[in-house]
Amino acid sequence: MTMRVLVTGGAGLIGVGLVERLLAEGHRVVVLDNLFRGRMDHLNHVMGLEAFDFVEGDVTSEADLQRCAELLGGVDLVHHLAAINGTKWFHEAARQVIEVNINGTLVALSMAERWGARFVLASSPEAFGDPVAMPLQEVNASVFPSAEAHQRFSYGASKYLDEIAVQHAVRGGLDARIVRPFNAYGHRMVSDAYGQVIGMLFGAVQQQVPMTVHGDGSQTRSFTHLDDVVEGFYLAGALEVGQDGSRLAGSAFNIGSTEETTVLALAQAVNATVGSKAVDIVLGGGYHGDALRRVPACERALVQLGWVAKTSLEEGLRLMWARLHSTP
């Protein structure tokens, strides 16, 4: 069935990949993005398609969201990805991060209720705060340190509150689902100091300057290739019921690779990927509150969505390096 889909934040890394997938499946898509972090040129290849429209606007504005609905002639599905992400922003612009992430979700959620549209929230493993137990289960308790310590959880706490708002809407009858992508990476990701680690590492290679790895590099993450993340989002929005026949409204899915690696090993893997363009690795720096370990448990995604990460880190880095040279 063809759906009319609104993607907020659709000019960002995950958003563009999701837009491509939705269009390939024959759906009608409108993107709303203020281009704070997303880039217009990421969407050049779909501009002009009959099934696609772009609105430059603010996700906290009901009027801008309604413009999107009018272009679509009604909304069947909202993929809400708009947020301020990037660790440096969490510390430098904590109040802006909170304002956009919470207010944007509240407004988009309210509009989805008004339209009678299914709603998929892009949350984050940061919504768990700083938990000790690993791997992170879909229903782990969220644990946050004192706000006096640092501002990192301006993002994670806002995502936690976003999830609360979504669950409240589900109890009110909205068909809403939650997706938590774990360290998504791909060739369109931000590569400057306000981006994420893989983008910055490849950015250093492209500039032929040393890579900086925070701390001693022993902190671990589970990096998930964009193709796998997009599949998780697509299934969370497209399926009427779970693969096991279960109700999906209110379900929160960890979408992540279970291939855990240290950040130092990641930098070494990037160097191995780029071959003769390899650069030096420098240790040091970092941010208050950086998690020492993060790895997901994804049983619910497997059982309800039929989803599992298929791209190894080695393959994903190779794909990203190739696409950096060939794809806008």
Protein backbone atom coordinates (compact mmCIF):
# COMPACT_ATOMS: atom_id res chain seq x y z
CA MET A 1 0.00 0.00 0.00
CA THR A 2 1.35 3.43 -0.96
CA MET A 3 1.78 5.71 2.05
CA ARG A 4 2.08 9.48 2.38
CA VAL A 5 5.17 9.93 4.53
CA LEU A 6 6.61 12.97 6.30
CA VAL A 7 10.29 12.70 7.26
CA THR A 8 11.45 15.41 9.65
CA GLY A 9 15.21 15.91 9.58
CA GLY A 10 15.21 14.18 6.21
CA ALA A 11 18.33 15.96 4.89
CA GLY A 12 20.59 14.30 7.47
CA LEU A 13 22.53 11.05 7.34
CA ILE A 14 19.76 8.62 8.28
CA GLY A 15 17.01 10.79 6.81
CA VAL A 16 18.38 10.78 3.27
CA GLY A 17 18.88 7.02 3.30
CA LEU A 18 15.34 6.54 4.59
CA VAL A 19 13.92 8.89 1.95
CA GLU A 20 15.68 6.89 -0.77
CA ARG A 21 14.23 3.64 0.59
CA LEU A 22 10.70 5.05 0.90
CA LEU A 23 10.76 6.37 -2.65
CA ALA A 24 12.15 3.08 -3.97
CA GLU A 25 9.19 1.31 -2.34
CA GLY A 26 6.76 3.61 -4.15
CA HIS A 27 5.71 5.89 -1.31
CA ARG A 28 5.00 9.63 -1.48
CA VAL A 29 7.51 11.59 0.64
CA VAL A 30 7.90 15.11 1.97
CA VAL A 31 11.00 16.14 3.93
CA LEU A 32 10.96 18.93 6.52
CA ASP A 33 14.41 20.19 7.49
CA ASN A 34 15.85 23.55 8.57
CA LEU A 35 19.30 22.54 7.21
CA PHE A 36 21.03 23.25 10.53
CA ARG A 37 22.93 19.97 10.15
CA GLY A 38 21.33 18.42 7.08
CA ARG A 39 22.48 19.46 3.62
CA MET A 40 20.34 20.33 0.63
CA ASP A 41 22.80 18.75 -1.81
CA HIS A 42 22.20 15.37 -0.13
CA LEU A 43 18.74 15.45 -1.70
CA ASN A 44 19.66 16.78 -5.14
CA HIS A 45 19.24 13.36 -6.74
CA VAL A 46 15.57 13.11 -5.66
CA MET A 47 14.56 16.73 -6.19
CA GLY A 48 12.14 16.97 -9.10
CA LEU A 49 10.70 13.50 -8.60
CA GLU A 50 6.91 13.59 -8.70
CA ALA A 51 6.70 11.60 -5.47
CA PHE A 52 9.00 13.93 -3.50
CA ASP A 53 8.83 17.43 -2.03
CA PHE A 54 11.09 19.40 0.30
CA VAL A 55 10.05 22.05 2.81
CA GLU A 56 12.70 24.15 4.52
CA GLY A 57 11.18 24.81 7.90
CA ASP A 58 11.11 24.31 11.65
CA VAL A 59 9.86 21.09 13.24
CA THR A 60 8.63 23.09 16.25
CA SER A 61 6.26 25.03 13.97
CA GLU A 62 2.76 23.59 13.51
CA ALA A 63 2.38 25.78 10.42
CA ASP A 64 5.47 24.27 8.76
CA LEU A 65 4.32 20.76 9.57
CA GLN A 66 0.88 21.54 8.18
CA ARG A 67 2.49 22.79 4.93
CA CYS A 68 3.99 19.33 4.57
CA ALA A 69 0.62 17.66 5.18
CA GLU A 70 -0.99 19.82 2.51
CA LEU A 71 1.69 18.87 -0.02
CA LEU A 72 1.04 15.22 0.74
CA GLY A 73 -2.74 15.56 0.77
CA GLY A 74 -2.79 14.00 4.23
CA VAL A 75 -0.21 12.08 6.26
CA ASP A 76 -0.18 8.32 6.88
CA LEU A 77 3.24 8.05 8.54
CA VAL A 78 5.64 10.42 10.29
CA HIS A 79 9.30 9.47 10.65
CA HIS A 80 10.52 12.00 13.22
CA LEU A 81 14.30 12.29 12.92
CA ALA A 82 14.75 16.04 13.44
CA ALA A 83 17.05 16.76 16.41
CA ILE A 84 20.36 18.40 17.28
CA ASN A 85 22.97 15.65 17.50
CA GLY A 86 26.76 15.68 17.85
CA THR A 87 28.55 15.45 21.21
CA LYS A 88 30.18 18.87 20.95
CA TRP A 89 26.73 20.48 20.66
CA PHE A 90 25.54 18.70 23.83
CA HIS A 91 28.07 20.67 25.87
CA GLU A 92 28.18 23.94 23.94
CA ALA A 93 24.45 24.41 23.25
CA ALA A 94 22.68 22.30 25.86
CA ARG A 95 19.57 24.49 26.11
CA GLN A 96 19.17 24.59 22.32
CA VAL A 97 19.55 20.81 22.16
CA ILE A 98 16.85 20.40 24.81
CA GLU A 99 14.53 22.95 23.21
CA VAL A 100 14.67 21.48 19.72
CA ASN A 101 14.65 17.82 20.71
CA ILE A 102 11.78 18.02 23.18
CA ASN A 103 9.62 20.74 21.63
CA GLY A 104 10.10 19.33 18.13
CA THR A 105 8.92 15.93 19.27
CA LEU A 106 5.95 17.31 21.20
CA VAL A 107 4.75 19.34 18.22
CA ALA A 108 5.32 16.56 15.66
CA LEU A 109 3.59 14.06 17.95
CA SER A 110 0.61 16.38 18.40
CA MET A 111 0.29 16.82 14.65
CA ALA A 112 0.49 13.06 14.06
CA GLU A 113 -2.40 12.64 16.51
CA ARG A 114 -4.36 15.31 14.65
CA TRP A 115 -3.71 13.62 11.30
CA GLY A 116 -4.28 10.08 12.59
CA ALA A 117 -0.81 9.16 11.30
CA ARG A 118 1.52 6.39 12.48
CA PHE A 119 4.57 7.87 14.24
CA VAL A 120 8.14 6.58 14.39
CA LEU A 121 10.47 8.35 16.81
CA ALA A 122 14.21 8.35 16.20
CA SER A 123 15.48 8.00 19.74
CA SER A 124 19.01 7.02 20.80
CA PRO A 125 20.93 4.71 23.12
CA GLU A 126 21.80 8.00 24.88
CA ALA A 127 18.23 7.78 26.27
CA PHE A 128 19.58 5.11 28.65
CA GLY A 129 21.91 7.69 30.22
CA ASP A 130 24.97 6.07 31.76
CA PRO A 131 23.88 2.52 32.65
CA VAL A 132 26.28 -0.08 34.00
CA ALA A 133 24.64 -3.26 32.69
CA MET A 134 25.55 -4.36 29.14
CA PRO A 135 24.36 -5.25 26.61
CA LEU A 136 21.61 -2.64 26.64
CA GLN A 137 18.21 -4.32 26.60
CA GLU A 138 15.24 -2.54 25.00
CA VAL A 139 13.66 -2.10 28.44
CA ASN A 140 16.76 -1.22 30.49
CA ALA A 141 16.32 1.44 33.17
CA SER A 142 17.74 4.86 32.29
CA VAL A 143 20.40 6.15 34.70
CA PHE A 144 21.61 9.76 34.59
CA PRO A 145 24.41 11.37 36.62
CA SER A 146 24.06 14.68 38.45
CA ALA A 147 23.41 17.63 36.14
CA GLU A 148 26.21 19.48 37.96
CA ALA A 149 28.80 17.21 36.39
CA HIS A 150 28.38 18.08 32.69
CA GLN A 151 25.83 18.80 29.99
CA ARG A 152 26.24 15.71 27.83
CA PHE A 153 22.84 14.37 28.74
CA SER A 154 21.07 17.42 27.40
CA TYR A 155 20.67 15.07 24.44
CA GLY A 156 20.13 11.74 26.18
CA ALA A 157 17.68 13.10 28.75
CA SER A 158 15.71 14.88 26.01
CA LYS A 159 15.46 11.59 24.11
CA TYR A 160 14.30 9.86 27.29
CA LEU A 161 11.55 12.46 27.68
CA ASP A 162 10.70 12.07 23.97
CA GLU A 163 10.15 8.37 24.62
CA ILE A 164 7.91 9.16 27.59
CA ALA A 165 5.84 11.49 25.42
CA VAL A 166 5.52 8.81 22.73
CA GLN A 167 4.45 6.16 25.23
CA HIS A 168 1.86 8.57 26.63
CA ALA A 169 0.51 9.11 23.10
CA VAL A 170 0.34 5.33 22.58
CA ARG A 171 -1.76 5.02 25.72
CA GLY A 172 -4.02 7.64 24.15
CA GLY A 173 -4.47 5.49 21.03
CA LEU A 174 -1.66 6.60 18.67
CA ASP A 175 0.18 3.92 16.70
CA ALA A 176 3.73 4.98 17.53
CA ARG A 177 7.00 3.06 17.53
CA ILE A 178 10.52 3.96 18.78
CA VAL A 179 13.84 3.25 17.05
CA ARG A 180 17.20 3.64 18.79
CA PRO A 181 20.02 3.52 16.19
CA PHE A 182 23.42 2.65 17.62
CA ASN A 183 26.27 4.73 16.17
CA ALA A 184 25.00 4.90 12.61
CA TYR A 185 27.64 5.69 10.01
CA GLY A 186 27.75 6.33 6.29
CA HIS A 187 29.32 8.52 3.64
CA ARG A 188 27.07 11.55 4.21
CA MET A 189 27.83 11.95 7.91
CA VAL A 190 29.21 15.17 9.38
CA SER A 191 33.01 15.01 9.47
CA ASP A 192 33.95 18.16 11.38
CA ALA A 193 34.33 18.58 15.16
CA TYR A 194 30.53 18.65 15.57
CA GLY A 195 30.05 15.23 13.98
CA GLN A 196 30.49 11.62 15.07
CA VAL A 197 33.65 9.61 15.36
CA ILE A 198 33.75 7.67 12.07
CA GLY A 199 33.00 10.82 10.08
CA MET A 200 35.79 12.66 11.88
CA LEU A 201 38.26 9.83 11.33
CA PHE A 202 37.59 9.72 7.59
CA GLY A 203 37.63 13.52 7.57
CA ALA A 204 41.17 13.45 8.96
CA VAL A 205 42.18 11.01 6.22
CA GLN A 206 40.70 13.25 3.54
CA GLN A 207 42.56 16.24 4.95
CA GLN A 208 45.70 14.15 5.53
CA VAL A 209 46.02 15.21 9.16
CA PRO A 210 46.37 12.98 12.24
CA MET A 211 43.27 11.25 13.63
CA THR A 212 42.41 12.18 17.22
CA VAL A 213 41.12 9.38 19.42
CA HIS A 214 39.69 10.48 22.76
CA GLY A 215 41.21 9.22 25.98
CA ASP A 216 43.21 6.02 25.60
CA GLY A 217 40.86 4.66 22.94
CA SER A 218 39.66 1.74 25.07
CA GLN A 219 36.02 2.89 25.11
CA THR A 220 33.83 0.61 23.01
CA ARG A 221 30.94 1.18 20.64
CA SER A 222 28.82 -0.88 18.23
CA PHE A 223 28.95 0.87 14.87
CA THR A 224 26.01 0.20 12.56
CA HIS A 225 26.15 0.80 8.82
CA LEU A 226 23.55 3.15 7.37
CA ASP A 227 22.01 0.48 5.13
CA ASP A 228 21.17 -1.62 8.20
CA VAL A 229 19.87 1.36 10.18
CA VAL A 230 17.62 2.45 7.31
CA GLU A 231 16.19 -1.06 7.08
CA GLY A 232 15.33 -0.92 10.78
CA PHE A 233 13.55 2.41 10.44
CA TYR A 234 11.73 1.30 7.31
CA LEU A 235 10.41 -1.88 8.92
CA ALA A 236 9.39 -0.03 12.10
CA GLY A 237 7.24 2.29 10.00
CA ALA A 238 5.97 -0.07 7.33
CA LEU A 239 4.83 -3.15 9.25
CA GLU A 240 1.22 -3.24 10.39
CA VAL A 241 1.97 -5.90 13.01
CA GLY A 242 5.12 -7.65 14.13
CA GLN A 243 6.58 -10.59 12.25
CA ASP A 244 5.41 -12.65 15.23
CA GLY A 245 1.90 -11.20 15.01
CA SER A 246 2.48 -8.82 17.91
CA ARG A 247 1.20 -5.27 18.30
CA LEU A 248 3.97 -2.78 17.43
CA ALA A 249 2.52 0.37 19.00
CA GLY A 250 4.68 1.29 21.98
CA SER A 251 7.57 -1.01 21.04
CA ALA A 252 11.09 0.40 21.30
CA PHE A 253 13.72 -1.22 19.10
CA ASN A 254 17.49 -1.22 19.55
CA ILE A 255 18.83 -1.08 15.99
CA GLY A 256 22.52 -1.78 16.22
CA SER A 257 25.36 -4.07 15.36
CA THR A 258 26.47 -6.37 18.14
CA GLU A 259 30.04 -6.23 16.80
CA GLU A 260 31.68 -4.31 19.66
CA THR A 261 34.99 -2.56 19.01
CA THR A 262 37.25 -0.09 20.80
CA VAL A 263 37.57 3.37 19.30
CA LEU A 264 41.35 2.85 18.95
CA ALA A 265 40.71 -0.36 16.97
CA LEU A 266 38.21 1.59 14.88
CA ALA A 267 40.84 4.19 13.99
CA GLN A 268 43.25 1.41 13.05
CA ALA A 269 40.54 -0.21 10.91
CA VAL A 270 39.93 3.10 9.09
CA ASN A 271 43.66 3.32 8.36
CA ALA A 272 43.63 -0.25 7.06
CA THR A 273 40.67 0.66 4.83
CA VAL A 274 42.30 3.71 3.25
CA GLY A 275 45.66 2.00 2.62
CA SER A 276 48.34 4.41 1.41
CA LYS A 277 46.34 7.39 2.72
CA ALA A 278 46.64 6.20 6.33
CA VAL A 279 47.50 8.92 8.86
CA ASP A 280 48.92 9.02 12.38
CA ILE A 281 46.68 8.34 15.37
CA VAL A 282 46.90 10.74 18.32
CA LEU A 283 45.42 9.92 21.73
CA GLY A 284 43.95 12.55 24.04
CA GLY A 285 41.08 14.88 24.78
CA GLY A 286 37.47 13.82 25.03
CA TYR A 287 34.24 14.96 26.67
CA HIS A 288 32.86 14.67 30.19
CA GLY A 289 30.36 11.86 30.46
CA ASP A 290 31.53 9.81 27.48
CA ALA A 291 30.35 6.23 27.95
CA LEU A 292 33.09 3.64 28.45
CA ARG A 293 31.08 0.87 26.81
CA ARG A 294 27.97 0.62 24.65
CA VAL A 295 26.62 -2.51 22.95
CA PRO A 296 22.97 -3.35 22.22
CA ALA A 297 20.78 -6.36 22.65
CA CYS A 298 18.44 -6.50 19.64
CA GLU A 299 16.17 -9.48 20.33
CA ARG A 300 12.97 -7.44 20.03
CA ALA A 301 14.04 -6.08 16.63
CA LEU A 302 14.75 -9.63 15.47
CA VAL A 303 11.50 -11.12 16.74
CA GLN A 304 9.09 -8.30 15.91
CA LEU A 305 10.71 -6.69 12.85
CA GLY A 306 12.72 -9.58 11.49
CA TRP A 307 15.71 -7.23 11.60
CA VAL A 308 19.36 -8.02 12.20
CA ALA A 309 22.51 -6.07 11.31
CA LYS A 310 24.06 -7.64 8.22
CA THR A 311 27.06 -5.39 7.49
CA SER A 312 30.33 -6.07 9.28
CA LEU A 313 32.43 -3.10 10.36
CA GLU A 314 35.16 -4.05 7.89
CA GLU A 315 32.68 -4.17 5.00
CA GLY A 316 30.91 -1.01 6.12
CA LEU A 317 34.11 1.03 6.32
CA ARG A 318 35.06 -0.20 2.85
CA LEU A 319 31.64 0.82 1.50
CA MET A 320 31.87 4.22 3.14
CA TRP A 321 35.35 4.91 1.75
CA ALA A 322 34.24 3.92 -1.75
CA ARG A 323 31.11 6.09 -1.56
CA LEU A 324 33.04 9.10 -0.27
CA HIS A 325 34.69 9.18 -3.69
CA SER A 326 31.68 8.42 -5.86
CA THR A 327 28.35 9.56 -4.36
CA PRO A 328 27.06 13.07 -3.56
